[in-house]
Every structure is written in structure tokens, then in C-alpha cells.
Amino acid sequence: MKIKTGDNIKIIAGKDKGKIGKVLQVFSDRNLASIEGLNLLIKHMRPRKQGEQGQRIEFPAPMNLSNMMLVCPKCGKPTTVGYKYVESGEEGKKKKRKFRVCKKCKQTIG
């Protein structure tokens, strides 16, 4: 997955185009993510008990991953993401680890 929880992203399409936010939750099976403070929707809740008041709940709705780009923590620019395999460990027990790479500055991302 190219975008993970905790990443900073920039919205490239939709009503919040151009805004930057932090990813709260990723739904990889549906290709969606919810972003803190962006794509806010209002849900009206009716009162459940007598004497209780109804309320409006504002929450960040999930948005398609194709409408966002990852912001590189090193160069601070929105970028596409590539992958790089790095071998680590001792001579007898070498393991390959997969890292995300910024396509603009070629640095590894978290």
C-alpha cells in the first residue's frame, strides 16, 4: 500500500483540493482513506430518549486514494511513490526489506 496511517497527504481532486492533512485510517480493501479535518460530512442524529436533544455530528468521510498524493517528509513536496528492496542482516541470514521511496528526492519514507 502506497499510503499508510500517519502519512501526510495532499488532496489533488474534490472539494478540498490543495489541502494537506494526516491520514487517520486506511481501508485497503475498498481503496479509501479518511483524513483528519478534510472531507467533513455532517450526520444528523435524532434523539433516542424523551427529553434528549438531537445533534449534528461532523466526521471525516473516507475518500478514494486516487484523489490524494503522499507528501514526502524529507523534501516536503507531493510525490509518487516507488519501492526499493534493501538487504540486511548477517551473512548467513540475509533478509530483504521493502521500503517506500520518494520519486523526486530518492529518499526512503518511513
Protein backbone atom coordinates (compact mmCIF):
# COMPACT_ATOMS: atom_id res chain seq x y z
CA MET A 1 0.00 0.00 0.00
CA LYS A 2 1.46 3.35 -1.01
CA ILE A 3 -0.36 5.43 1.62
CA LYS A 4 -0.36 4.35 5.27
CA THR A 5 -1.86 5.60 8.54
CA GLY A 6 0.04 8.62 9.88
CA ASP A 7 1.28 9.85 6.47
CA ASN A 8 0.80 13.44 5.36
CA ILE A 9 -1.07 13.71 2.08
CA LYS A 10 -2.21 16.43 -0.32
CA ILE A 11 -5.68 16.31 -1.89
CA ILE A 12 -5.44 16.62 -5.70
CA ALA A 13 -9.16 16.37 -6.57
CA GLY A 14 -12.51 17.10 -4.95
CA LYS A 15 -13.95 19.82 -2.73
CA ASP A 16 -10.81 20.06 -0.55
CA LYS A 17 -8.34 20.22 -3.47
CA GLY A 18 -4.92 21.61 -2.48
CA LYS A 19 -5.28 20.98 1.27
CA ILE A 20 -2.81 18.91 3.30
CA GLY A 21 -3.79 16.55 6.11
CA LYS A 22 -2.80 13.49 8.13
CA VAL A 23 -4.23 10.04 7.34
CA LEU A 24 -6.34 8.67 10.22
CA GLN A 25 -7.49 5.38 8.74
CA VAL A 26 -6.90 3.37 5.55
CA PHE A 27 -9.42 0.91 4.11
CA SER A 28 -7.19 -1.07 1.73
CA ASP A 29 -9.92 -3.47 0.57
CA ARG A 30 -12.06 -0.55 -0.70
CA ASN A 31 -9.13 1.74 -1.72
CA LEU A 32 -10.24 4.52 0.67
CA ALA A 33 -8.66 6.64 3.41
CA SER A 34 -10.03 9.19 5.88
CA ILE A 35 -8.02 12.36 6.50
CA GLU A 36 -8.01 14.44 9.67
CA GLY A 37 -10.09 17.61 9.22
CA LEU A 38 -10.76 17.10 5.49
CA ASN A 39 -13.79 15.87 3.50
CA LEU A 40 -16.02 16.57 6.50
CA LEU A 41 -19.63 15.39 6.39
CA ILE A 42 -22.46 16.14 8.81
CA LYS A 43 -24.67 13.38 10.14
CA HIS A 44 -27.94 14.31 11.84
CA MET A 45 -28.76 12.16 14.88
CA ARG A 46 -32.30 12.06 16.19
CA PRO A 47 -32.98 11.96 19.92
CA ARG A 48 -33.17 8.44 21.36
CA LYS A 49 -34.80 9.18 24.74
CA GLN A 50 -37.55 11.58 25.70
CA GLY A 51 -36.13 14.96 26.71
CA GLU A 52 -32.87 14.34 24.85
CA GLN A 53 -31.95 16.70 22.02
CA GLY A 54 -30.97 15.76 18.50
CA GLN A 55 -27.46 16.65 17.33
CA ARG A 56 -25.27 17.15 14.29
CA ILE A 57 -22.09 15.07 14.19
CA GLU A 58 -19.27 16.21 11.91
CA PHE A 59 -16.84 13.48 10.81
CA PRO A 60 -14.14 12.96 8.14
CA ALA A 61 -15.60 10.72 5.43
CA PRO A 62 -13.35 8.24 3.60
CA MET A 63 -12.02 9.39 0.24
CA ASN A 64 -10.56 7.47 -2.71
CA LEU A 65 -6.75 7.04 -2.69
CA SER A 66 -6.58 8.18 -6.32
CA ASN A 67 -7.56 11.70 -5.18
CA MET A 68 -4.50 12.14 -2.93
CA MET A 69 -0.71 12.22 -3.15
CA LEU A 70 1.81 11.45 -0.46
CA VAL A 71 3.83 14.43 0.82
CA CYS A 72 7.48 13.43 1.24
CA PRO A 73 8.70 14.10 4.80
CA LYS A 74 12.24 14.88 3.53
CA CYS A 75 11.61 17.31 0.63
CA GLY A 76 8.06 18.39 1.58
CA LYS A 77 6.67 18.01 -1.94
CA PRO A 78 3.74 15.87 -3.12
CA THR A 79 5.22 12.87 -4.87
CA THR A 80 4.52 9.49 -6.39
CA VAL A 81 5.85 6.50 -4.51
CA GLY A 82 8.21 3.78 -5.66
CA TYR A 83 9.64 0.78 -3.86
CA LYS A 84 13.18 -0.35 -3.08
CA TYR A 85 14.42 -3.62 -1.60
CA VAL A 86 17.30 -3.43 0.90
CA GLU A 87 19.22 -6.45 2.15
CA SER A 88 20.05 -6.50 5.84
CA GLY A 89 21.32 -8.95 8.42
CA GLU A 90 24.33 -11.22 8.80
CA GLU A 91 25.99 -13.16 6.02
CA GLY A 92 24.13 -16.41 6.72
CA LYS A 93 20.73 -14.80 7.44
CA LYS A 94 20.17 -12.05 4.88
CA LYS A 95 16.67 -10.62 4.64
CA LYS A 96 15.21 -8.30 2.04
CA ARG A 97 13.10 -5.42 3.36
CA LYS A 98 10.78 -3.36 1.20
CA PHE A 99 10.86 0.43 1.61
CA ARG A 100 8.79 3.20 0.04
CA VAL A 101 10.89 5.71 -1.94
CA CYS A 102 10.13 9.32 -2.93
CA LYS A 103 10.39 9.62 -6.72
CA LYS A 104 11.55 13.27 -6.51
CA CYS A 105 14.36 13.18 -3.92
CA LYS A 106 15.06 9.39 -3.95
CA GLN A 107 14.93 9.16 -0.12
CA THR A 108 13.25 6.30 1.74
CA ILE A 109 9.97 7.05 3.50
CA GLY A 110 9.34 5.61 6.98
